[in-house]
Amino acid sequence: MSRLADADDPAGGEPEVEIRRSTRRRRTVSARRDGDRIVVLVPAGMSRGEERRWVREMVARVRRAERRSAWSDDDLAERATLLSDRWLGGMAAPGSVRWVDNQQSRWGSCTPGDRSIRLSSRLQGMPSWVVDYVLVHELAHLLEPGHDERFWAWVDTYPHAEKAKGYLLGWSAAARVEPPPPDHVD
């Protein structure tokens, strides 16, 4: 295993790239996002020149896929309205919904007073049903501010709630992030 800082961005704003050589891997190269870095898996016998070429290609592929899957703040607001209509009877109407970069220990937050919802940018690139779960959770706070039985009854109308909770707990464990309590998203 070796590490390679991204040479395309000297300011360091791009994620670190980790290269893992595998004796089991013969011809294929793959890449995936792992927290704040991109992991590229290459065959152990690949030359350094080929490795550099493939790393550039695979990092570019991961970034293109992430750009395609990124939702804008407007997309989030539209999605929140759809989810409210579908799972909360249209009763949760947020004033604003946006991505934020300053939530490192929460997946989302809601301020019922001004009806604003913020989702951690760490959710970007996660499956849409996970993002939807966090949106439903925050929308439910517009109906019930606390985490009482009435609140969870609203959240549990979303059919993937339990699966999404498990996904977020697993992601937190894999990233070695201290997760909030199991039933507490925000």
N, C-alpha and C. Protein backbone atom coordinates (compact mmCIF):
# COMPACT_ATOMS: atom_id res chain seq x y z
N MET A 1 0.86 -1.18 0.00
CA MET A 1 0.00 0.00 0.00
C MET A 1 0.90 1.23 0.00
N SER A 2 0.55 2.18 -0.83
CA SER A 2 1.28 3.44 -0.84
C SER A 2 0.30 4.59 -0.90
N ARG A 3 0.75 5.76 -0.54
CA ARG A 3 -0.11 6.95 -0.56
C ARG A 3 0.48 7.95 -1.53
N LEU A 4 -0.42 8.67 -2.17
CA LEU A 4 0.01 9.65 -3.15
C LEU A 4 -0.87 10.88 -3.00
N ALA A 5 -0.29 12.01 -2.71
CA ALA A 5 -1.06 13.25 -2.65
C ALA A 5 -1.43 13.64 -4.06
N ASP A 6 -2.57 14.29 -4.21
CA ASP A 6 -3.04 14.67 -5.53
C ASP A 6 -2.18 15.78 -6.09
N ALA A 7 -1.44 15.50 -7.15
CA ALA A 7 -0.54 16.47 -7.75
C ALA A 7 -1.27 17.55 -8.52
N ASP A 8 -2.55 17.32 -8.86
CA ASP A 8 -3.30 18.33 -9.61
C ASP A 8 -3.72 19.51 -8.76
N ASP A 9 -3.66 19.38 -7.45
CA ASP A 9 -4.11 20.46 -6.59
C ASP A 9 -3.07 20.75 -5.52
N PRO A 10 -2.13 21.64 -5.78
CA PRO A 10 -1.09 21.92 -4.81
C PRO A 10 -1.61 22.56 -3.53
N ALA A 11 -2.80 23.15 -3.58
CA ALA A 11 -3.36 23.77 -2.37
C ALA A 11 -3.85 22.74 -1.37
N GLY A 12 -3.97 21.49 -1.82
CA GLY A 12 -4.38 20.43 -0.90
C GLY A 12 -5.87 20.35 -0.67
N GLY A 13 -6.70 21.01 -1.46
CA GLY A 13 -8.14 20.99 -1.28
C GLY A 13 -8.78 19.70 -1.74
N GLU A 14 -8.09 18.94 -2.56
CA GLU A 14 -8.63 17.69 -3.07
C GLU A 14 -8.28 16.56 -2.10
N PRO A 15 -9.02 15.47 -2.19
CA PRO A 15 -8.76 14.36 -1.26
C PRO A 15 -7.43 13.68 -1.54
N GLU A 16 -6.92 13.06 -0.53
CA GLU A 16 -5.72 12.24 -0.67
C GLU A 16 -6.07 11.00 -1.48
N VAL A 17 -5.13 10.51 -2.24
CA VAL A 17 -5.33 9.29 -3.01
C VAL A 17 -4.45 8.21 -2.39
N GLU A 18 -5.05 7.07 -2.10
CA GLU A 18 -4.32 5.94 -1.55
C GLU A 18 -4.27 4.84 -2.60
N ILE A 19 -3.08 4.35 -2.88
CA ILE A 19 -2.90 3.29 -3.87
C ILE A 19 -2.63 1.99 -3.12
N ARG A 20 -3.41 0.97 -3.43
CA ARG A 20 -3.22 -0.34 -2.82
C ARG A 20 -2.89 -1.34 -3.92
N ARG A 21 -1.72 -1.96 -3.79
CA ARG A 21 -1.30 -3.00 -4.75
C ARG A 21 -1.75 -4.35 -4.19
N SER A 22 -2.26 -5.19 -5.08
CA SER A 22 -2.78 -6.49 -4.67
C SER A 22 -2.15 -7.60 -5.51
N THR A 23 -1.65 -8.63 -4.83
CA THR A 23 -1.10 -9.78 -5.56
C THR A 23 -2.22 -10.62 -6.15
N ARG A 24 -3.42 -10.52 -5.62
CA ARG A 24 -4.57 -11.26 -6.15
C ARG A 24 -5.10 -10.64 -7.43
N ARG A 25 -4.95 -9.35 -7.56
CA ARG A 25 -5.47 -8.62 -8.71
C ARG A 25 -4.50 -8.81 -9.87
N ARG A 26 -5.00 -9.27 -11.02
CA ARG A 26 -4.14 -9.54 -12.17
C ARG A 26 -4.20 -8.44 -13.22
N ARG A 27 -5.40 -8.03 -13.63
CA ARG A 27 -5.51 -7.06 -14.72
C ARG A 27 -6.37 -5.86 -14.39
N THR A 28 -7.30 -6.01 -13.48
CA THR A 28 -8.29 -4.94 -13.25
C THR A 28 -7.78 -3.88 -12.30
N VAL A 29 -8.30 -2.68 -12.51
CA VAL A 29 -8.03 -1.54 -11.64
C VAL A 29 -9.38 -1.00 -11.20
N SER A 30 -9.52 -0.66 -9.94
CA SER A 30 -10.77 -0.09 -9.46
C SER A 30 -10.46 1.04 -8.49
N ALA A 31 -11.47 1.88 -8.25
CA ALA A 31 -11.31 3.00 -7.33
C ALA A 31 -12.63 3.26 -6.63
N ARG A 32 -12.53 3.77 -5.42
CA ARG A 32 -13.73 4.10 -4.65
C ARG A 32 -13.40 5.21 -3.66
N ARG A 33 -14.42 5.90 -3.24
CA ARG A 33 -14.29 6.92 -2.20
C ARG A 33 -14.30 6.21 -0.86
N ASP A 34 -13.39 6.60 0.03
CA ASP A 34 -13.34 6.07 1.39
C ASP A 34 -13.14 7.27 2.31
N GLY A 35 -14.25 7.84 2.78
CA GLY A 35 -14.17 9.03 3.62
C GLY A 35 -13.64 10.21 2.82
N ASP A 36 -12.53 10.78 3.28
CA ASP A 36 -11.95 11.95 2.64
C ASP A 36 -10.92 11.60 1.58
N ARG A 37 -10.76 10.34 1.27
CA ARG A 37 -9.74 9.97 0.28
C ARG A 37 -10.35 9.06 -0.79
N ILE A 38 -9.60 8.90 -1.86
CA ILE A 38 -9.97 7.97 -2.92
C ILE A 38 -8.97 6.83 -2.89
N VAL A 39 -9.47 5.60 -2.82
CA VAL A 39 -8.62 4.41 -2.79
C VAL A 39 -8.63 3.79 -4.19
N VAL A 40 -7.42 3.59 -4.74
CA VAL A 40 -7.27 2.97 -6.06
C VAL A 40 -6.58 1.62 -5.86
N LEU A 41 -7.21 0.56 -6.37
CA LEU A 41 -6.69 -0.80 -6.25
C LEU A 41 -6.08 -1.21 -7.58
N VAL A 42 -4.78 -1.58 -7.57
CA VAL A 42 -4.07 -1.93 -8.80
C VAL A 42 -3.37 -3.28 -8.61
N PRO A 43 -3.11 -3.99 -9.72
CA PRO A 43 -2.35 -5.24 -9.62
C PRO A 43 -0.92 -4.98 -9.12
N ALA A 44 -0.40 -5.88 -8.31
CA ALA A 44 0.95 -5.72 -7.75
C ALA A 44 2.01 -5.67 -8.84
N GLY A 45 1.80 -6.36 -9.95
CA GLY A 45 2.80 -6.41 -11.00
C GLY A 45 2.77 -5.24 -11.98
N MET A 46 1.90 -4.30 -11.77
CA MET A 46 1.79 -3.17 -12.69
C MET A 46 2.99 -2.24 -12.55
N SER A 47 3.48 -1.74 -13.68
CA SER A 47 4.62 -0.81 -13.63
C SER A 47 4.20 0.51 -13.00
N ARG A 48 5.16 1.26 -12.49
CA ARG A 48 4.87 2.56 -11.86
C ARG A 48 4.27 3.54 -12.87
N GLY A 49 4.74 3.49 -14.10
CA GLY A 49 4.20 4.36 -15.13
C GLY A 49 2.74 4.06 -15.42
N GLU A 50 2.43 2.76 -15.56
CA GLU A 50 1.03 2.36 -15.77
C GLU A 50 0.19 2.72 -14.56
N GLU A 51 0.76 2.53 -13.37
CA GLU A 51 0.04 2.88 -12.15
C GLU A 51 -0.35 4.35 -12.15
N ARG A 52 0.61 5.24 -12.47
CA ARG A 52 0.31 6.67 -12.50
C ARG A 52 -0.80 6.99 -13.49
N ARG A 53 -0.74 6.37 -14.66
CA ARG A 53 -1.76 6.61 -15.68
C ARG A 53 -3.13 6.15 -15.19
N TRP A 54 -3.18 4.95 -14.61
CA TRP A 54 -4.45 4.43 -14.13
C TRP A 54 -4.98 5.21 -12.93
N VAL A 55 -4.10 5.64 -12.04
CA VAL A 55 -4.55 6.41 -10.88
C VAL A 55 -5.23 7.70 -11.36
N ARG A 56 -4.59 8.41 -12.31
CA ARG A 56 -5.21 9.64 -12.84
C ARG A 56 -6.59 9.35 -13.43
N GLU A 57 -6.66 8.28 -14.23
CA GLU A 57 -7.92 7.91 -14.88
C GLU A 57 -9.00 7.56 -13.86
N MET A 58 -8.65 6.75 -12.88
CA MET A 58 -9.64 6.27 -11.92
C MET A 58 -10.09 7.39 -10.97
N VAL A 59 -9.18 8.27 -10.57
CA VAL A 59 -9.57 9.41 -9.73
C VAL A 59 -10.53 10.31 -10.52
N ALA A 60 -10.24 10.52 -11.79
CA ALA A 60 -11.13 11.33 -12.63
C ALA A 60 -12.52 10.68 -12.73
N ARG A 61 -12.56 9.36 -12.85
CA ARG A 61 -13.85 8.66 -12.92
C ARG A 61 -14.65 8.83 -11.64
N VAL A 62 -13.98 8.68 -10.49
CA VAL A 62 -14.68 8.85 -9.21
C VAL A 62 -15.22 10.27 -9.10
N ARG A 63 -14.42 11.25 -9.45
CA ARG A 63 -14.86 12.65 -9.37
C ARG A 63 -16.02 12.93 -10.31
N ARG A 64 -15.98 12.38 -11.52
CA ARG A 64 -17.10 12.58 -12.46
C ARG A 64 -18.38 11.97 -11.90
N ALA A 65 -18.27 10.79 -11.34
CA ALA A 65 -19.44 10.12 -10.76
C ALA A 65 -20.00 10.94 -9.60
N GLU A 66 -19.12 11.50 -8.79
CA GLU A 66 -19.57 12.31 -7.66
C GLU A 66 -20.27 13.59 -8.14
N ARG A 67 -19.74 14.20 -9.18
CA ARG A 67 -20.38 15.42 -9.71
C ARG A 67 -21.76 15.10 -10.26
N ARG A 68 -21.89 13.95 -10.93
CA ARG A 68 -23.19 13.56 -11.48
C ARG A 68 -24.20 13.31 -10.37
N SER A 69 -23.75 12.77 -9.25
CA SER A 69 -24.68 12.39 -8.19
C SER A 69 -24.92 13.51 -7.18
N ALA A 70 -24.20 14.61 -7.28
CA ALA A 70 -24.35 15.68 -6.30
C ALA A 70 -25.66 16.43 -6.52
N TRP A 71 -26.41 16.59 -5.46
CA TRP A 71 -27.65 17.34 -5.51
C TRP A 71 -27.36 18.77 -5.09
N SER A 72 -27.95 19.73 -5.77
CA SER A 72 -27.84 21.13 -5.38
C SER A 72 -28.77 21.39 -4.21
N ASP A 73 -28.66 22.58 -3.61
CA ASP A 73 -29.59 22.96 -2.54
C ASP A 73 -31.02 22.98 -3.07
N ASP A 74 -31.20 23.45 -4.30
CA ASP A 74 -32.55 23.45 -4.91
C ASP A 74 -33.08 22.03 -5.07
N ASP A 75 -32.19 21.10 -5.47
CA ASP A 75 -32.60 19.69 -5.58
C ASP A 75 -33.04 19.16 -4.22
N LEU A 76 -32.29 19.52 -3.18
CA LEU A 76 -32.64 19.06 -1.82
C LEU A 76 -34.01 19.59 -1.41
N ALA A 77 -34.27 20.87 -1.67
CA ALA A 77 -35.55 21.46 -1.30
C ALA A 77 -36.69 20.77 -2.05
N GLU A 78 -36.47 20.51 -3.32
CA GLU A 78 -37.49 19.82 -4.12
C GLU A 78 -37.72 18.40 -3.58
N ARG A 79 -36.63 17.73 -3.24
CA ARG A 79 -36.73 16.38 -2.71
C ARG A 79 -37.45 16.38 -1.36
N ALA A 80 -37.16 17.36 -0.51
CA ALA A 80 -37.81 17.47 0.80
C ALA A 80 -39.32 17.63 0.64
N THR A 81 -39.74 18.43 -0.32
CA THR A 81 -41.17 18.62 -0.57
C THR A 81 -41.82 17.31 -1.00
N LEU A 82 -41.17 16.61 -1.89
CA LEU A 82 -41.68 15.32 -2.36
C LEU A 82 -41.79 14.33 -1.20
N LEU A 83 -40.75 14.25 -0.36
CA LEU A 83 -40.75 13.32 0.77
C LEU A 83 -41.82 13.70 1.79
N SER A 84 -41.99 14.99 2.04
CA SER A 84 -43.03 15.44 2.95
C SER A 84 -44.40 15.03 2.43
N ASP A 85 -44.63 15.25 1.14
CA ASP A 85 -45.91 14.87 0.55
C ASP A 85 -46.14 13.37 0.65
N ARG A 86 -45.11 12.60 0.33
CA ARG A 86 -45.26 11.14 0.27
C ARG A 86 -45.37 10.49 1.66
N TRP A 87 -44.53 10.91 2.61
CA TRP A 87 -44.44 10.19 3.88
C TRP A 87 -44.99 10.95 5.08
N LEU A 88 -45.16 12.26 4.97
CA LEU A 88 -45.61 13.05 6.12
C LEU A 88 -46.90 13.81 5.82
N GLY A 89 -47.62 13.37 4.81
CA GLY A 89 -48.90 13.99 4.48
C GLY A 89 -48.79 15.44 4.01
N GLY A 90 -47.59 15.86 3.60
CA GLY A 90 -47.40 17.23 3.13
C GLY A 90 -47.41 18.26 4.24
N MET A 91 -47.40 17.81 5.49
CA MET A 91 -47.51 18.74 6.62
C MET A 91 -46.20 19.40 7.03
N ALA A 92 -45.07 18.86 6.58
CA ALA A 92 -43.77 19.43 6.95
C ALA A 92 -43.27 20.25 5.76
N ALA A 93 -43.34 21.57 5.90
CA ALA A 93 -42.92 22.46 4.81
C ALA A 93 -41.72 23.28 5.27
N PRO A 94 -40.52 22.90 4.82
CA PRO A 94 -39.33 23.64 5.25
C PRO A 94 -39.24 25.01 4.59
N GLY A 95 -38.65 25.95 5.31
CA GLY A 95 -38.39 27.28 4.74
C GLY A 95 -37.16 27.25 3.85
N SER A 96 -36.18 26.44 4.22
CA SER A 96 -34.97 26.28 3.41
C SER A 96 -34.36 24.91 3.70
N VAL A 97 -33.67 24.38 2.68
CA VAL A 97 -32.95 23.12 2.81
C VAL A 97 -31.62 23.32 2.09
N ARG A 98 -30.51 23.02 2.78
CA ARG A 98 -29.22 23.24 2.14
C ARG A 98 -28.16 22.31 2.72
N TRP A 99 -27.09 22.14 1.91
CA TRP A 99 -25.91 21.40 2.35
C TRP A 99 -25.05 22.33 3.19
N VAL A 100 -24.38 21.78 4.20
CA VAL A 100 -23.41 22.54 4.99
C VAL A 100 -22.16 21.69 5.20
N ASP A 101 -21.03 22.36 5.36
CA ASP A 101 -19.75 21.67 5.55
C ASP A 101 -19.31 21.63 7.01
N ASN A 102 -20.05 22.26 7.90
CA ASN A 102 -19.59 22.39 9.28
C ASN A 102 -20.20 21.37 10.24
N GLN A 103 -20.88 20.36 9.74
CA GLN A 103 -21.44 19.33 10.61
C GLN A 103 -20.60 18.07 10.51
N GLN A 104 -19.75 17.87 11.51
CA GLN A 104 -18.87 16.70 11.50
C GLN A 104 -19.37 15.59 12.41
N SER A 105 -20.27 15.91 13.33
CA SER A 105 -20.79 14.87 14.23
C SER A 105 -22.28 14.66 14.04
N ARG A 106 -22.90 15.38 13.13
CA ARG A 106 -24.32 15.22 12.84
C ARG A 106 -24.49 14.97 11.36
N TRP A 107 -25.58 14.29 11.02
CA TRP A 107 -25.90 14.09 9.60
C TRP A 107 -26.80 15.21 9.11
N GLY A 108 -27.54 15.80 10.01
CA GLY A 108 -28.44 16.88 9.63
C GLY A 108 -28.89 17.63 10.86
N SER A 109 -29.52 18.77 10.63
CA SER A 109 -30.08 19.53 11.74
C SER A 109 -31.27 20.32 11.22
N CYS A 110 -32.14 20.69 12.16
CA CYS A 110 -33.35 21.42 11.82
C CYS A 110 -33.59 22.48 12.87
N THR A 111 -33.97 23.67 12.44
CA THR A 111 -34.38 24.74 13.35
C THR A 111 -35.85 24.99 13.08
N PRO A 112 -36.73 24.43 13.92
CA PRO A 112 -38.17 24.58 13.68
C PRO A 112 -38.64 26.04 13.64
N GLY A 113 -37.99 26.92 14.41
CA GLY A 113 -38.41 28.32 14.45
C GLY A 113 -38.41 28.99 13.09
N ASP A 114 -37.34 28.80 12.32
CA ASP A 114 -37.30 29.39 10.97
C ASP A 114 -37.49 28.34 9.88
N ARG A 115 -37.78 27.09 10.29
CA ARG A 115 -38.09 25.98 9.38
C ARG A 115 -36.93 25.66 8.45
N SER A 116 -35.70 25.86 8.94
CA SER A 116 -34.53 25.58 8.11
C SER A 116 -33.97 24.19 8.41
N ILE A 117 -33.56 23.52 7.34
CA ILE A 117 -32.96 22.19 7.43
C ILE A 117 -31.59 22.26 6.78
N ARG A 118 -30.60 21.67 7.47
CA ARG A 118 -29.23 21.61 6.95
C ARG A 118 -28.78 20.15 6.97
N LEU A 119 -28.19 19.73 5.85
CA LEU A 119 -27.65 18.37 5.76
C LEU A 119 -26.14 18.44 5.64
N SER A 120 -25.46 17.56 6.35
CA SER A 120 -24.01 17.49 6.28
C SER A 120 -23.58 17.11 4.87
N SER A 121 -22.59 17.81 4.36
CA SER A 121 -22.06 17.49 3.02
C SER A 121 -21.42 16.10 3.00
N ARG A 122 -21.18 15.50 4.18
CA ARG A 122 -20.67 14.13 4.22
C ARG A 122 -21.65 13.14 3.62
N LEU A 123 -22.94 13.53 3.51
CA LEU A 123 -23.95 12.66 2.92
C LEU A 123 -23.87 12.61 1.40
N GLN A 124 -23.20 13.59 0.80
CA GLN A 124 -23.11 13.63 -0.65
C GLN A 124 -22.38 12.39 -1.14
N GLY A 125 -22.93 11.75 -2.12
CA GLY A 125 -22.34 10.53 -2.64
C GLY A 125 -22.87 9.27 -1.98
N MET A 126 -23.61 9.41 -0.88
CA MET A 126 -24.24 8.24 -0.26
C MET A 126 -25.50 7.90 -1.05
N PRO A 127 -26.01 6.68 -0.90
CA PRO A 127 -27.23 6.31 -1.63
C PRO A 127 -28.37 7.28 -1.36
N SER A 128 -29.21 7.50 -2.36
CA SER A 128 -30.29 8.47 -2.23
C SER A 128 -31.26 8.10 -1.10
N TRP A 129 -31.48 6.81 -0.84
CA TRP A 129 -32.40 6.42 0.22
C TRP A 129 -31.85 6.78 1.60
N VAL A 130 -30.53 6.92 1.72
CA VAL A 130 -29.93 7.37 2.99
C VAL A 130 -30.15 8.88 3.14
N VAL A 131 -29.89 9.64 2.08
CA VAL A 131 -30.14 11.09 2.12
C VAL A 131 -31.62 11.33 2.39
N ASP A 132 -32.48 10.56 1.73
CA ASP A 132 -33.93 10.71 1.94
C ASP A 132 -34.28 10.47 3.41
N TYR A 133 -33.68 9.46 4.02
CA TYR A 133 -33.96 9.18 5.43
C TYR A 133 -33.60 10.38 6.29
N VAL A 134 -32.43 10.97 6.08
CA VAL A 134 -32.02 12.12 6.89
C VAL A 134 -32.97 13.29 6.65
N LEU A 135 -33.38 13.48 5.40
CA LEU A 135 -34.36 14.54 5.11
C LEU A 135 -35.67 14.28 5.85
N VAL A 136 -36.17 13.04 5.80
CA VAL A 136 -37.43 12.72 6.50
C VAL A 136 -37.26 12.96 8.00
N HIS A 137 -36.12 12.56 8.54
CA HIS A 137 -35.85 12.77 9.97
C HIS A 137 -35.93 14.26 10.31
N GLU A 138 -35.27 15.08 9.51
CA GLU A 138 -35.28 16.52 9.79
C GLU A 138 -36.66 17.14 9.53
N LEU A 139 -37.34 16.68 8.49
CA LEU A 139 -38.71 17.16 8.24
C LEU A 139 -39.63 16.82 9.41
N ALA A 140 -39.44 15.65 10.00
CA ALA A 140 -40.27 15.25 11.14
C ALA A 140 -40.09 16.22 12.31
N HIS A 141 -38.92 16.85 12.41
CA HIS A 141 -38.72 17.84 13.47
C HIS A 141 -39.59 19.08 13.27
N LEU A 142 -40.04 19.32 12.06
CA LEU A 142 -40.97 20.43 11.83
C LEU A 142 -42.35 20.11 12.39
N LEU A 143 -42.63 18.83 12.62
CA LEU A 143 -43.90 18.38 13.19
C LEU A 143 -43.79 18.10 14.68
N GLU A 144 -42.65 17.56 15.07
CA GLU A 144 -42.38 17.22 16.48
C GLU A 144 -40.93 17.58 16.78
N PRO A 145 -40.68 18.64 17.56
CA PRO A 145 -39.29 19.09 17.78
C PRO A 145 -38.39 18.09 18.50
N GLY A 146 -38.93 17.31 19.42
CA GLY A 146 -38.10 16.39 20.19
C GLY A 146 -37.96 15.04 19.52
N HIS A 147 -37.44 14.08 20.29
CA HIS A 147 -37.28 12.72 19.80
C HIS A 147 -38.17 11.77 20.60
N ASP A 148 -39.44 12.15 20.74
CA ASP A 148 -40.37 11.32 21.49
C ASP A 148 -41.05 10.30 20.57
N GLU A 149 -42.00 9.54 21.13
CA GLU A 149 -42.67 8.49 20.35
C GLU A 149 -43.39 9.06 19.14
N ARG A 150 -43.99 10.24 19.28
CA ARG A 150 -44.71 10.84 18.14
C ARG A 150 -43.72 11.17 17.01
N PHE A 151 -42.56 11.69 17.39
CA PHE A 151 -41.54 12.01 16.38
C PHE A 151 -41.14 10.74 15.62
N TRP A 152 -40.80 9.67 16.35
CA TRP A 152 -40.34 8.44 15.69
C TRP A 152 -41.45 7.79 14.88
N ALA A 153 -42.70 8.00 15.27
CA ALA A 153 -43.81 7.48 14.46
C ALA A 153 -43.81 8.15 13.08
N TRP A 154 -43.51 9.46 13.04
CA TRP A 154 -43.41 10.16 11.75
C TRP A 154 -42.22 9.62 10.95
N VAL A 155 -41.07 9.53 11.58
CA VAL A 155 -39.86 9.08 10.87
C VAL A 155 -40.06 7.67 10.33
N ASP A 156 -40.68 6.82 11.11
CA ASP A 156 -40.85 5.41 10.72
C ASP A 156 -41.85 5.21 9.58
N THR A 157 -42.52 6.27 9.13
CA THR A 157 -43.35 6.13 7.93
C THR A 157 -42.47 5.93 6.70
N TYR A 158 -41.21 6.37 6.78
CA TYR A 158 -40.28 6.18 5.66
C TYR A 158 -39.85 4.71 5.66
N PRO A 159 -40.11 3.98 4.58
CA PRO A 159 -39.89 2.52 4.59
C PRO A 159 -38.44 2.07 4.73
N HIS A 160 -37.47 2.93 4.44
CA HIS A 160 -36.06 2.53 4.54
C HIS A 160 -35.38 3.08 5.79
N ALA A 161 -36.18 3.50 6.78
CA ALA A 161 -35.62 4.15 7.97
C ALA A 161 -34.62 3.25 8.70
N GLU A 162 -35.00 2.02 8.99
CA GLU A 162 -34.10 1.14 9.75
C GLU A 162 -32.84 0.81 8.96
N LYS A 163 -33.00 0.55 7.67
CA LYS A 163 -31.85 0.24 6.82
C LYS A 163 -30.91 1.44 6.76
N ALA A 164 -31.46 2.64 6.65
CA ALA A 164 -30.63 3.85 6.57
C ALA A 164 -29.90 4.11 7.90
N LYS A 165 -30.58 3.88 9.01
CA LYS A 165 -29.91 4.03 10.32
C LYS A 165 -28.71 3.09 10.39
N GLY A 166 -28.90 1.85 9.97
CA GLY A 166 -27.81 0.88 9.98
C GLY A 166 -26.67 1.29 9.05
N TYR A 167 -27.01 1.82 7.90
CA TYR A 167 -26.00 2.27 6.94
C TYR A 167 -25.15 3.39 7.56
N LEU A 168 -25.82 4.36 8.17
CA LEU A 168 -25.10 5.49 8.77
C LEU A 168 -24.23 5.05 9.95
N LEU A 169 -24.73 4.12 10.74
CA LEU A 169 -23.92 3.59 11.85
C LEU A 169 -22.71 2.84 11.31
N GLY A 170 -22.92 2.04 10.26
CA GLY A 170 -21.80 1.30 9.66
C GLY A 170 -20.78 2.24 9.04
N TRP A 171 -21.25 3.27 8.36
CA TRP A 171 -20.34 4.24 7.75
C TRP A 171 -19.52 4.92 8.84
N SER A 172 -20.18 5.31 9.92
CA SER A 172 -19.49 5.97 11.02
C SER A 172 -18.42 5.06 11.62
N ALA A 173 -18.76 3.79 11.80
CA ALA A 173 -17.79 2.85 12.36
C ALA A 173 -16.62 2.66 11.41
N ALA A 174 -16.90 2.53 10.12
CA ALA A 174 -15.83 2.32 9.14
C ALA A 174 -14.93 3.54 9.03
N ALA A 175 -15.51 4.72 9.17
CA ALA A 175 -14.73 5.95 9.07
C ALA A 175 -14.12 6.34 10.41
N ARG A 176 -14.39 5.52 11.41
CA ARG A 176 -13.92 5.79 12.77
C ARG A 176 -14.38 7.15 13.27
N VAL A 177 -15.62 7.46 12.93
CA VAL A 177 -16.26 8.69 13.40
C VAL A 177 -17.14 8.30 14.56
N GLU A 178 -17.12 9.07 15.60
CA GLU A 178 -17.98 8.78 16.74
C GLU A 178 -19.42 9.09 16.35
N PRO A 179 -20.26 8.06 16.21
CA PRO A 179 -21.64 8.32 15.78
C PRO A 179 -22.48 8.85 16.92
N PRO A 180 -23.58 9.53 16.58
CA PRO A 180 -24.53 9.90 17.62
C PRO A 180 -25.22 8.63 18.11
N PRO A 181 -26.01 8.73 19.18
CA PRO A 181 -26.73 7.54 19.64
C PRO A 181 -27.53 6.93 18.48
N PRO A 182 -27.81 5.60 18.51
CA PRO A 182 -28.40 4.91 17.37
C PRO A 182 -29.67 5.55 16.82
N ASP A 183 -30.53 6.08 17.65
CA ASP A 183 -31.79 6.65 17.16
C ASP A 183 -31.74 8.16 17.05
N HIS A 184 -30.55 8.72 16.96
CA HIS A 184 -30.42 10.19 16.96
C HIS A 184 -29.60 10.63 15.75
N VAL A 185 -30.27 11.16 14.74
CA VAL A 185 -29.59 11.59 13.53
C VAL A 185 -29.03 12.99 13.69
N ASP A 186 -29.79 13.87 14.31
CA ASP A 186 -29.32 15.27 14.38
C ASP A 186 -28.71 15.62 15.70
